PDB file of N, CA and C in Angstrom:
ATOM      1  N   MET A   1     111.806  49.275  60.319  1.00  0.00           N
ATOM      2  CA  MET A   1     112.313  49.573  59.159  1.00  0.00           C
ATOM      3  C   MET A   1     111.983  48.324  58.317  1.00  0.00           C
ATOM      4  N   GLU A   2     112.219  48.483  56.898  1.00  0.00           N
ATOM      5  CA  GLU A   2     111.418  47.505  55.733  1.00  0.00           C
ATOM      6  C   GLU A   2     112.532  46.545  55.479  1.00  0.00           C
ATOM      7  N   CYS A   3     112.191  45.474  55.092  1.00  0.00           N
ATOM      8  CA  CYS A   3     113.180  44.404  54.567  1.00  0.00           C
ATOM      9  C   CYS A   3     113.739  45.208  53.152  1.00  0.00           C
ATOM     10  N   GLU A   4     115.006  45.006  52.844  1.00  0.00           N
ATOM     11  CA  GLU A   4     115.659  45.590  51.495  1.00  0.00           C
ATOM     12  C   GLU A   4     115.710  44.414  50.545  1.00  0.00           C
ATOM     13  N   ASN A   5     114.986  43.179  51.000  1.00  0.00           N
ATOM     14  CA  ASN A   5     115.256  42.037  50.183  1.00  0.00           C
ATOM     15  C   ASN A   5     116.555  41.850  49.759  1.00  0.00           C
ATOM     16  N   CYS A   6     117.444  42.022  50.475  1.00  0.00           N
ATOM     17  CA  CYS A   6     119.173  41.650  50.154  1.00  0.00           C
ATOM     18  C   CYS A   6     119.124  40.342  50.237  1.00  0.00           C
ATOM     19  N   GLY A   7     118.560  39.727  51.290  1.00  0.00           N
ATOM     20  CA  GLY A   7     119.069  38.224  51.440  1.00  0.00           C
ATOM     21  C   GLY A   7     120.008  37.725  52.055  1.00  0.00           C
ATOM     22  N   THR A   8     120.515  38.618  52.824  1.00  0.00           N
ATOM     23  CA  THR A   8     121.477  38.603  53.734  1.00  0.00           C
ATOM     24  C   THR A   8     121.241  37.439  54.822  1.00  0.00           C
ATOM     25  N   CYS A   9     120.255  37.642  55.444  1.00  0.00           N
ATOM     26  CA  CYS A   9     119.840  36.899  56.675  1.00  0.00           C
ATOM     27  C   CYS A   9     119.573  35.298  55.917  1.00  0.00           C
ATOM     28  N   CYS A  10     119.401  35.155  54.709  1.00  0.00           N
ATOM     29  CA  CYS A  10     119.126  33.710  54.287  1.00  0.00           C
ATOM     30  C   CYS A  10     120.276  33.188  53.716  1.00  0.00           C
ATOM     31  N   GLY A  11     121.419  33.682  54.232  1.00  0.00           N
ATOM     32  CA  GLY A  11     122.726  33.085  53.751  1.00  0.00           C
ATOM     33  C   GLY A  11     123.495  32.442  54.652  1.00  0.00           C
ATOM     34  N   TYR A  12     122.779  32.250  55.903  1.00  0.00           N
ATOM     35  CA  TYR A  12     123.452  31.321  56.857  1.00  0.00           C
ATOM     36  C   TYR A  12     122.525  30.490  57.923  1.00  0.00           C
ATOM     37  N   ILE A  13     123.007  29.856  58.717  1.00  0.00           N
ATOM     38  CA  ILE A  13     122.102  29.473  59.733  1.00  0.00           C
ATOM     39  C   ILE A  13     123.325  29.423  60.895  1.00  0.00           C
ATOM     40  N   THR A  14     122.634  29.794  62.136  1.00  0.00           N
ATOM     41  CA  THR A  14     123.485  29.672  63.607  1.00  0.00           C
ATOM     42  C   THR A  14     122.983  28.729  64.582  1.00  0.00           C
ATOM     43  N   ILE A  15     123.955  27.923  64.955  1.00  0.00           N
ATOM     44  CA  ILE A  15     123.582  27.067  65.846  1.00  0.00           C
ATOM     45  C   ILE A  15     124.525  27.356  67.228  1.00  0.00           C
ATOM     46  N   ASN A  16     123.690  27.613  68.545  1.00  0.00           N
ATOM     47  CA  ASN A  16     124.602  27.699  69.730  1.00  0.00           C
ATOM     48  C   ASN A  16     125.372  26.287  70.053  1.00  0.00           C
ATOM     49  N   ILE A  17     126.491  26.659  70.440  1.00  0.00           N
ATOM     50  CA  ILE A  17     127.244  25.242  70.763  1.00  0.00           C
ATOM     51  C   ILE A  17     127.580  25.513  72.185  1.00  0.00           C
ATOM     52  N   ALA A  18     128.099  24.383  73.052  1.00  0.00           N
ATOM     53  CA  ALA A  18     128.637  24.561  74.328  1.00  0.00           C
ATOM     54  C   ALA A  18     129.952  25.098  74.323  1.00  0.00           C
ATOM     55  N   SER A  19     129.854  25.956  75.354  1.00  0.00           N
ATOM     56  CA  SER A  19     131.414  26.624  75.533  1.00  0.00           C
ATOM     57  C   SER A  19     132.391  25.632  75.852  1.00  0.00           C
ATOM     58  N   PRO A  20     133.435  25.669  75.018  1.00  0.00           N
ATOM     59  CA  PRO A  20     134.628  24.961  75.351  1.00  0.00           C
ATOM     60  C   PRO A  20     135.249  24.999  76.891  1.00  0.00           C
ATOM     61  N   LYS A  21     135.391  23.660  77.268  1.00  0.00           N
ATOM     62  CA  LYS A  21     135.930  23.771  78.470  1.00  0.00           C
ATOM     63  C   LYS A  21     137.462  23.219  78.979  1.00  0.00           C
ATOM     64  N   ASN A  22     137.606  22.072  77.629  1.00  0.00           N
ATOM     65  CA  ASN A  22     138.857  22.039  77.747  1.00  0.00           C
ATOM     66  C   ASN A  22     139.619  21.469  76.409  1.00  0.00           C
ATOM     67  N   GLU A  23     140.822  20.876  76.487  1.00  0.00           N
ATOM     68  CA  GLU A  23     141.635  20.870  75.046  1.00  0.00           C
ATOM     69  C   GLU A  23     140.731  20.111  74.137  1.00  0.00           C
ATOM     70  N   ASP A  24     140.073  18.685  74.407  1.00  0.00           N
ATOM     71  CA  ASP A  24     139.169  18.112  73.431  1.00  0.00           C
ATOM     72  C   ASP A  24     137.905  18.900  72.998  1.00  0.00           C
ATOM     73  N   ASP A  25     137.487  19.931  73.857  1.00  0.00           N
ATOM     74  CA  ASP A  25     136.366  20.815  73.278  1.00  0.00           C
ATOM     75  C   ASP A  25     136.937  21.771  72.121  1.00  0.00           C
ATOM     76  N   PHE A  26     138.259  22.268  72.708  1.00  0.00           N
ATOM     77  CA  PHE A  26     138.813  23.029  71.560  1.00  0.00           C
ATOM     78  C   PHE A  26     139.136  22.376  70.174  1.00  0.00           C
ATOM     79  N   ASP A  27     139.370  20.914  70.648  1.00  0.00           N
ATOM     80  CA  ASP A  27     139.754  20.236  69.197  1.00  0.00           C
ATOM     81  C   ASP A  27     138.388  20.047  68.293  1.00  0.00           C
ATOM     82  N   GLU A  28     137.264  19.718  68.838  1.00  0.00           N
ATOM     83  CA  GLU A  28     136.115  19.689  68.512  1.00  0.00           C
ATOM     84  C   GLU A  28     135.822  20.917  67.575  1.00  0.00           C
ATOM     85  N   ILE A  29     136.066  22.046  68.204  1.00  0.00           N
ATOM     86  CA  ILE A  29     135.948  23.292  67.356  1.00  0.00           C
ATOM     87  C   ILE A  29     136.715  23.691  66.142  1.00  0.00           C
ATOM     88  N   ARG A  30     138.086  23.280  66.527  1.00  0.00           N
ATOM     89  CA  ARG A  30     138.853  23.129  65.280  1.00  0.00           C
ATOM     90  C   ARG A  30     138.421  22.256  64.109  1.00  0.00           C
ATOM     91  N   TRP A  31     137.803  21.181  64.397  1.00  0.00           N
ATOM     92  CA  TRP A  31     137.314  20.120  63.589  1.00  0.00           C
ATOM     93  C   TRP A  31     136.484  21.092  62.688  1.00  0.00           C
ATOM     94  N   TYR A  32     135.220  21.588  63.340  1.00  0.00           N
ATOM     95  CA  TYR A  32     134.321  22.352  62.807  1.00  0.00           C
ATOM     96  C   TYR A  32     134.943  23.459  61.907  1.00  0.00           C
ATOM     97  N   LEU A  33     135.860  24.274  62.181  1.00  0.00           N
ATOM     98  CA  LEU A  33     136.481  25.075  61.515  1.00  0.00           C
ATOM     99  C   LEU A  33     137.277  24.729  60.091  1.00  0.00           C
ATOM    100  N   SER A  34     137.636  23.336  60.323  1.00  0.00           N
ATOM    101  CA  SER A  34     138.407  22.779  59.104  1.00  0.00           C
ATOM    102  C   SER A  34     137.422  22.561  57.968  1.00  0.00           C
ATOM    103  N   HIS A  35     136.186  22.650  58.181  1.00  0.00           N
ATOM    104  CA  HIS A  35     135.187  22.597  56.891  1.00  0.00           C
ATOM    105  C   HIS A  35     134.986  24.094  56.367  1.00  0.00           C
ATOM    106  N   GLU A  36     134.777  23.763  54.983  1.00  0.00           N
ATOM    107  CA  GLU A  36     134.315  24.951  54.437  1.00  0.00           C
ATOM    108  C   GLU A  36     132.703  25.570  54.778  1.00  0.00           C
ATOM    109  N   ASN A  37     132.867  26.914  54.683  1.00  0.00           N
ATOM    110  CA  ASN A  37     131.667  27.486  54.959  1.00  0.00           C
ATOM    111  C   ASN A  37     131.088  27.735  56.341  1.00  0.00           C
ATOM    112  N   ILE A  38     132.140  27.071  57.384  1.00  0.00           N
ATOM    113  CA  ILE A  38     131.885  27.034  58.862  1.00  0.00           C
ATOM    114  C   ILE A  38     132.587  28.191  59.662  1.00  0.00           C
ATOM    115  N   TRP A  39     131.889  29.001  60.276  1.00  0.00           N
ATOM    116  CA  TRP A  39     132.878  29.692  61.276  1.00  0.00           C
ATOM    117  C   TRP A  39     132.217  29.882  62.704  1.00  0.00           C
ATOM    118  N   ILE A  40     132.823  30.022  63.434  1.00  0.00           N
ATOM    119  CA  ILE A  40     132.675  30.176  64.995  1.00  0.00           C
ATOM    120  C   ILE A  40     132.850  31.558  65.673  1.00  0.00           C
ATOM    121  N   TYR A  41     131.804  31.803  66.340  1.00  0.00           N
ATOM    122  CA  TYR A  41     131.702  32.889  67.007  1.00  0.00           C
ATOM    123  C   TYR A  41     131.186  33.119  68.272  1.00  0.00           C
ATOM    124  N   ILE A  42     131.703  34.119  69.042  1.00  0.00           N
ATOM    125  CA  ILE A  42     131.467  34.383  70.580  1.00  0.00           C
ATOM    126  C   ILE A  42     130.578  35.494  70.456  1.00  0.00           C
ATOM    127  N   ASP A  43     129.431  35.602  71.371  1.00  0.00           N
ATOM    128  CA  ASP A  43     128.711  36.650  71.212  1.00  0.00           C
ATOM    129  C   ASP A  43     128.160  36.624  72.983  1.00  0.00           C
ATOM    130  N   GLU A  44     127.205  37.867  73.138  1.00  0.00           N
ATOM    131  CA  GLU A  44     127.104  38.023  74.575  1.00  0.00           C
ATOM    132  C   GLU A  44     126.246  36.715  75.179  1.00  0.00           C
ATOM    133  N   GLU A  45     125.765  35.713  74.435  1.00  0.00           N
ATOM    134  CA  GLU A  45     124.869  34.797  74.796  1.00  0.00           C
ATOM    135  C   GLU A  45     125.872  33.395  74.918  1.00  0.00           C
ATOM    136  N   GLY A  46     127.395  33.325  74.224  1.00  0.00           N
ATOM    137  CA  GLY A  46     128.079  32.229  74.164  1.00  0.00           C
ATOM    138  C   GLY A  46     128.767  32.199  72.902  1.00  0.00           C
ATOM    139  N   TRP A  47     129.033  30.806  72.514  1.00  0.00           N
ATOM    140  CA  TRP A  47     129.638  30.113  71.537  1.00  0.00           C
ATOM    141  C   TRP A  47     128.381  29.722  70.661  1.00  0.00           C
ATOM    142  N   ASN A  48     128.834  30.027  69.314  1.00  0.00           N
ATOM    143  CA  ASN A  48     127.871  29.786  67.929  1.00  0.00           C
ATOM    144  C   ASN A  48     128.591  29.062  66.884  1.00  0.00           C
ATOM    145  N   MET A  49     128.057  28.369  66.328  1.00  0.00           N
ATOM    146  CA  MET A  49     128.567  27.885  64.923  1.00  0.00           C
ATOM    147  C   MET A  49     127.641  28.606  63.703  1.00  0.00           C
ATOM    148  N   GLN A  50     128.309  29.244  62.801  1.00  0.00           N
ATOM    149  CA  GLN A  50     127.469  29.791  61.755  1.00  0.00           C
ATOM    150  C   GLN A  50     128.020  28.894  60.494  1.00  0.00           C
ATOM    151  N   VAL A  51     126.888  28.175  59.952  1.00  0.00           N
ATOM    152  CA  VAL A  51     127.065  27.636  58.695  1.00  0.00           C
ATOM    153  C   VAL A  51     126.510  28.399  57.637  1.00  0.00           C
ATOM    154  N   ASN A  52     127.488  28.858  56.680  1.00  0.00           N
ATOM    155  CA  ASN A  52     127.209  29.665  55.602  1.00  0.00           C
ATOM    156  C   ASN A  52     126.712  28.943  54.468  1.00  0.00           C
ATOM    157  N   ASN A  53     125.499  28.994  54.292  1.00  0.00           N
ATOM    158  CA  ASN A  53     124.980  28.178  53.240  1.00  0.00           C
ATOM    159  C   ASN A  53     123.759  28.935  52.771  1.00  0.00           C
ATOM    160  N   ILE A  54     123.611  29.344  51.588  1.00  0.00           N
ATOM    161  CA  ILE A  54     122.223  29.947  51.282  1.00  0.00           C
ATOM    162  C   ILE A  54     121.116  28.982  51.327  1.00  0.00           C
ATOM    163  N   CYS A  55     119.792  29.723  51.759  1.00  0.00           N
ATOM    164  CA  CYS A  55     118.494  28.824  51.756  1.00  0.00           C
ATOM    165  C   CYS A  55     118.143  28.619  50.404  1.00  0.00           C
ATOM    166  N   LYS A  56     117.503  27.382  50.098  1.00  0.00           N
ATOM    167  CA  LYS A  56     117.421  27.096  48.744  1.00  0.00           C
ATOM    168  C   LYS A  56     116.082  27.975  48.382  1.00  0.00           C
ATOM    169  N   TYR A  57     115.283  28.356  49.036  1.00  0.00           N
ATOM    170  CA  TYR A  57     114.263  29.018  48.488  1.00  0.00           C
ATOM    171  C   TYR A  57     114.456  30.869  48.471  1.00  0.00           C
ATOM    172  N   ARG A  58     115.830  31.330  48.547  1.00  0.00           N
ATOM    173  CA  ARG A  58     116.194  32.564  48.242  1.00  0.00           C
ATOM    174  C   ARG A  58     116.618  32.454  46.752  1.00  0.00           C
ATOM    175  N   LYS A  59     115.644  33.602  46.082  1.00  0.00           N
ATOM    176  CA  LYS A  59     116.086  33.597  44.717  1.00  0.00           C
ATOM    177  C   LYS A  59     115.743  35.261  44.432  1.00  0.00           C
ATOM    178  N   ASN A  60     117.111  35.672  43.977  1.00  0.00           N
ATOM    179  CA  ASN A  60     116.971  37.244  43.993  1.00  0.00           C
ATOM    180  C   ASN A  60     116.820  38.044  45.339  1.00  0.00           C
ATOM    181  N   GLY A  61     117.208  37.513  46.225  1.00  0.00           N
ATOM    182  CA  GLY A  61     117.134  38.402  47.441  1.00  0.00           C
ATOM    183  C   GLY A  61     115.836  38.022  48.270  1.00  0.00           C
ATOM    184  N   LYS A  62     114.847  37.500  47.645  1.00  0.00           N
ATOM    185  CA  LYS A  62     113.545  37.193  48.226  1.00  0.00           C
ATOM    186  C   LYS A  62     113.386  35.730  48.281  1.00  0.00           C
ATOM    187  N   CYS A  63     112.289  35.496  49.359  1.00  0.00           N
ATOM    188  CA  CYS A  63     111.757  34.147  49.367  1.00  0.00           C
ATOM    189  C   CYS A  63     110.981  33.518  48.312  1.00  0.00           C
ATOM    190  N   SER A  64     111.400  32.674  47.938  1.00  0.00           N
ATOM    191  CA  SER A  64     110.496  32.120  46.422  1.00  0.00           C
ATOM    192  C   SER A  64     109.194  31.215  47.290  1.00  0.00           C
ATOM    193  N   ASP A  65     109.329  31.122  48.722  1.00  0.00           N
ATOM    194  CA  ASP A  65     108.251  30.149  49.165  1.00  0.00           C
ATOM    195  C   ASP A  65     107.577  30.768  50.168  1.00  0.00           C
ATOM    196  N   TYR A  66     107.423  32.222  49.989  1.00  0.00           N
ATOM    197  CA  TYR A  66     107.127  33.194  51.195  1.00  0.00           C
ATOM    198  C   TYR A  66     106.052  32.475  52.045  1.00  0.00           C
ATOM    199  N   GLU A  67     104.937  32.010  51.388  1.00  0.00           N
ATOM    200  CA  GLU A  67     103.763  31.708  52.252  1.00  0.00           C
ATOM    201  C   GLU A  67     103.808  30.612  53.019  1.00  0.00           C
ATOM    202  N   ASN A  68     104.809  29.750  52.699  1.00  0.00           N
ATOM    203  CA  ASN A  68     105.168  28.470  53.472  1.00  0.00           C
ATOM    204  C   ASN A  68     106.479  28.853  54.534  1.00  0.00           C
ATOM    205  N   ARG A  69     107.263  29.802  54.340  1.00  0.00           N
ATOM    206  CA  ARG A  69     108.456  30.292  55.205  1.00  0.00           C
ATOM    207  C   ARG A  69     108.224  29.724  56.711  1.00  0.00           C
ATOM    208  N   SER A  70     109.348  29.144  57.322  1.00  0.00           N
ATOM    209  CA  SER A  70     109.181  28.720  58.729  1.00  0.00           C
ATOM    210  C   SER A  70     109.202  29.890  59.657  1.00  0.00           C
ATOM    211  N   ASN A  71     108.809  29.557  60.662  1.00  0.00           N
ATOM    212  CA  ASN A  71     108.700  30.734  61.911  1.00  0.00           C
ATOM    213  C   ASN A  71     109.854  31.312  62.376  1.00  0.00           C
ATOM    214  N   ILE A  72     110.909  30.748  61.920  1.00  0.00           N
ATOM    215  CA  ILE A  72     112.043  31.458  62.174  1.00  0.00           C
ATOM    216  C   ILE A  72     112.309  32.794  61.233  1.00  0.00           C
ATOM    217  N   CYS A  73     111.810  32.382  60.002  1.00  0.00           N
ATOM    218  CA  CYS A  73     111.856  33.607  59.100  1.00  0.00           C
ATOM    219  C   CYS A  73     110.502  34.750  59.439  1.00  0.00           C
ATOM    220  N   ARG A  74     109.466  34.181  59.753  1.00  0.00           N
ATOM    221  CA  ARG A  74     108.129  34.926  59.938  1.00  0.00           C
ATOM    222  C   ARG A  74     108.601  35.730  60.760  1.00  0.00           C
ATOM    223  N   ASN A  75     109.104  35.279  62.073  1.00  0.00           N
ATOM    224  CA  ASN A  75     109.685  36.115  63.147  1.00  0.00           C
ATOM    225  C   ASN A  75     110.946  37.056  63.147  1.00  0.00           C
ATOM    226  N   TYR A  76     111.570  36.928  62.259  1.00  0.00           N
ATOM    227  CA  TYR A  76     112.601  37.573  61.845  1.00  0.00           C
ATOM    228  C   TYR A  76     112.403  39.192  61.720  1.00  0.00           C
ATOM    229  N   SER A  77     113.039  40.168  62.363  1.00  0.00           N
ATOM    230  CA  SER A  77     112.453  41.561  62.196  1.00  0.00           C
ATOM    231  C   SER A  77     113.696  42.328  61.349  1.00  0.00           C
ATOM    232  N   ALA A  78     113.223  42.841  60.146  1.00  0.00           N
ATOM    233  CA  ALA A  78     114.321  43.666  59.423  1.00  0.00           C
ATOM    234  C   ALA A  78     114.810  44.642  60.449  1.00  0.00           C
ATOM    235  N   ASN A  79     114.382  45.058  61.456  1.00  0.00           N
ATOM    236  CA  ASN A  79     115.004  45.971  62.506  1.00  0.00           C
ATOM    237  C   ASN A  79     116.468  45.314  63.201  1.00  0.00           C
ATOM    238  N   HIS A  80     116.615  43.918  62.829  1.00  0.00           N
ATOM    239  CA  HIS A  80     117.621  43.333  63.281  1.00  0.00           C
ATOM    240  C   HIS A  80     118.649  42.850  62.228  1.00  0.00           C
ATOM    241  N   CYS A  81     118.225  43.571  61.067  1.00  0.00           N
ATOM    242  CA  CYS A  81     119.160  42.970  60.169  1.00  0.00           C
ATOM    243  C   CYS A  81     120.628  43.514  60.118  1.00  0.00           C
ATOM    244  N   GLU A  82     121.712  42.441  59.923  1.00  0.00           N
ATOM    245  CA  GLU A  82     123.123  42.707  60.434  1.00  0.00           C
ATOM    246  C   GLU A  82     123.774  43.651  59.164  1.00  0.00           C
ATOM    247  N   LYS A  83     123.066  43.852  57.941  1.00  0.00           N
ATOM    248  CA  LYS A  83     123.421  44.533  56.954  1.00  0.00           C
ATOM    249  C   LYS A  83     123.480  46.100  57.592  1.00  0.00           C
ATOM    250  N   HIS A  84     122.657  46.515  58.441  1.00  0.00           N
ATOM    251  CA  HIS A  84     122.541  47.799  59.013  1.00  0.00           C
ATOM    252  C   HIS A  84     123.225  48.198  60.280  1.00  0.00           C
ATOM    253  N   GLU A  85     123.465  46.927  60.709  1.00  0.00           N
ATOM    254  CA  GLU A  85     124.178  47.134  62.067  1.00  0.00           C
ATOM    255  C   GLU A  85     125.501  47.845  62.191  1.00  0.00           C
ATOM    256  N   GLU A  86     125.971  48.613  62.933  1.00  0.00           N
ATOM    257  CA  GLU A  86     127.382  49.422  62.736  1.00  0.00           C
ATOM    258  C   GLU A  86     128.017  48.846  63.623  1.00  0.00           C
ATOM    259  N   ASP A  87     127.832  47.853  64.644  1.00  0.00           N
ATOM    260  CA  ASP A  87     128.627  47.199  65.483  1.00  0.00           C
ATOM    261  C   ASP A  87     128.149  45.858  65.489  1.00  0.00           C
ATOM    262  N   LYS A  88     129.142  45.082  65.104  1.00  0.00           N
ATOM    263  CA  LYS A  88     128.967  43.265  65.043  1.00  0.00           C
ATOM    264  C   LYS A  88     128.406  42.916  66.436  1.00  0.00           C
ATOM    265  N   SER A  89     127.366  42.003  66.554  1.00  0.00           N
ATOM    266  CA  SER A  89     127.077  41.328  67.671  1.00  0.00           C
ATOM    267  C   SER A  89     128.268  40.370  68.525  1.00  0.00           C
ATOM    268  N   PHE A  90     129.027  40.148  67.655  1.00  0.00           N
ATOM    269  CA  PHE A  90     130.020  39.092  68.302  1.00  0.00           C
ATOM    270  C   PHE A  90     131.243  39.736  68.929  1.00  0.00           C
ATOM    271  N   THR A  91     131.921  39.006  69.639  1.00  0.00           N
ATOM    272  CA  THR A  91     133.152  39.724  70.391  1.00  0.00           C
ATOM    273  C   THR A  91     134.523  38.957  69.728  1.00  0.00           C
ATOM    274  N   HIS A  92     134.267  37.671  69.171  1.00  0.00           N
ATOM    275  CA  HIS A  92     135.196  37.146  68.462  1.00  0.00           C
ATOM    276  C   HIS A  92     134.938  36.390  67.508  1.00  0.00           C
ATOM    277  N   LEU A  93     135.315  36.146  66.247  1.00  0.00           N
ATOM    278  CA  LEU A  93     135.035  35.572  65.038  1.00  0.00           C
ATOM    279  C   LEU A  93     136.387  34.628  64.563  1.00  0.00           C
ATOM    280  N   PHE A  94     135.916  33.363  64.467  1.00  0.00           N
ATOM    281  CA  PHE A  94     136.942  32.469  63.842  1.00  0.00           C
ATOM    282  C   PHE A  94     136.640  31.759  62.771  1.00  0.00           C
ATOM    283  N   LYS A  95     137.160  32.162  61.591  1.00  0.00           N
ATOM    284  CA  LYS A  95     136.883  31.736  60.181  1.00  0.00           C
ATOM    285  C   LYS A  95     137.871  30.664  59.937  1.00  0.00           C
ATOM    286  N   ASN A  96     138.644  29.939  60.749  1.00  0.00           N
ATOM    287  CA  ASN A  96     139.562  28.750  60.221  1.00  0.00           C
ATOM    288  C   ASN A  96     140.266  28.353  61.708  1.00  0.00           C
ATOM    289  N   PRO A  97     140.869  27.379  61.724  1.00  0.00           N
ATOM    290  CA  PRO A  97     141.661  26.790  62.812  1.00  0.00           C
ATOM    291  C   PRO A  97     142.658  27.568  63.229  1.00  0.00           C
ATOM    292  N   GLU A  98     143.512  28.296  62.526  1.00  0.00           N
ATOM    293  CA  GLU A  98     144.395  29.156  62.560  1.00  0.00           C
ATOM    294  C   GLU A  98     144.089  30.361  63.835  1.00  0.00           C
ATOM    295  N   GLU A  99     142.908  30.978  63.417  1.00  0.00           N
ATOM    296  CA  GLU A  99     142.365  32.202  64.148  1.00  0.00           C
ATOM    297  C   GLU A  99     142.097  31.759  65.645  1.00  0.00           C
ATOM    298  N   LEU A 100     141.582  30.485  65.541  1.00  0.00           N
ATOM    299  CA  LEU A 100     141.212  30.061  67.016  1.00  0.00           C
ATOM    300  C   LEU A 100     142.426  29.930  67.875  1.00  0.00           C
ATOM    301  N   ASN A 101     143.709  29.143  67.054  1.00  0.00           N
ATOM    302  CA  ASN A 101     144.642  29.017  67.720  1.00  0.00           C
ATOM    303  C   ASN A 101     145.331  30.169  68.231  1.00  0.00           C
ATOM    304  N   ALA A 102     145.280  31.227  67.454  1.00  0.00           N
ATOM    305  CA  ALA A 102     145.812  32.411  67.561  1.00  0.00           C
ATOM    306  C   ALA A 102     145.187  33.164  69.149  1.00  0.00           C
ATOM    307  N   TYR A 103     143.855  32.967  69.061  1.00  0.00           N
ATOM    308  CA  TYR A 103     143.035  33.229  70.228  1.00  0.00           C
ATOM    309  C   TYR A 103     143.249  32.670  71.632  1.00  0.00           C
ATOM    310  N   LEU A 104     143.501  31.290  71.316  1.00  0.00           N
ATOM    311  CA  LEU A 104     144.003  30.396  72.428  1.00  0.00           C
ATOM    312  C   LEU A 104     145.103  30.740  73.132  1.00  0.00           C
ATOM    313  N   LYS A 105     146.330  31.024  72.054  1.00  0.00           N
ATOM    314  CA  LYS A 105     147.405  31.510  72.672  1.00  0.00           C
ATOM    315  C   LYS A 105     147.384  32.788  73.179  1.00  0.00           C
ATOM    316  N   LYS A 106     146.878  33.829  72.919  1.00  0.00           N
ATOM    317  CA  LYS A 106     146.584  35.058  73.394  1.00  0.00           C
ATOM    318  C   LYS A 106     146.115  34.802  74.776  1.00  0.00           C
ATOM    319  N   ILE A 107     144.715  34.155  74.943  1.00  0.00           N
ATOM    320  CA  ILE A 107     144.064  34.080  75.924  1.00  0.00           C
ATOM    321  C   ILE A 107     145.044  33.172  77.410  1.00  0.00           C
ATOM    322  N   THR A 108     146.013  32.542  76.768  1.00  0.00           N
ATOM    323  CA  THR A 108     146.772  31.511  77.797  1.00  0.00           C
ATOM    324  C   THR A 108     147.937  32.535  78.184  1.00  0.00           C
ATOM    325  N   THR A 109     148.366  33.456  77.281  1.00  0.00           N
ATOM    326  CA  THR A 109     149.462  34.215  77.822  1.00  0.00           C
ATOM    327  C   THR A 109     149.060  35.383  78.748  1.00  0.00           C
ATOM    328  N   GLN A 110     147.882  35.842  78.575  1.00  0.00           N
ATOM    329  CA  GLN A 110     147.234  36.812  79.361  1.00  0.00           C
ATOM    330  C   GLN A 110     146.996  35.959  80.591  1.00  0.00           C
ATOM    331  N   SER A 111     146.345  34.947  80.800  1.00  0.00           N
ATOM    332  CA  SER A 111     146.179  34.392  82.050  1.00  0.00           C
ATOM    333  C   SER A 111     147.634  33.938  82.983  1.00  0.00           C
ATOM    334  N   SER A 112     148.847  33.885  82.315  1.00  0.00           N
ATOM    335  CA  SER A 112     150.040  33.401  82.802  1.00  0.00           C
ATOM    336  C   SER A 112     150.765  34.526  83.596  1.00  0.00           C
TER     337      SER A 112
END
């Protein structure tokens, strides 16, 4: 598959975070989610923080510094473009503290 130059992959960064084990850990995640443009999701690899912020080199869906792009960008394959994925790779997505609280309430109720 060839890149369509949509720039979707240049619109965020993802950072793996430790799986929360206690209330203090969940409180820290609530704090992350209290900030603009921060999402938390769970996928097959664990918990992740997504920072929704466009790369400063993205211009009209293309890299304006293509020759000097980072290895992460060089190694990215259009075959894995989320624009074409029918199934999202995450099992849970939290865009705000309220969504996390609802998830915690649900899993707490299920385990009782």
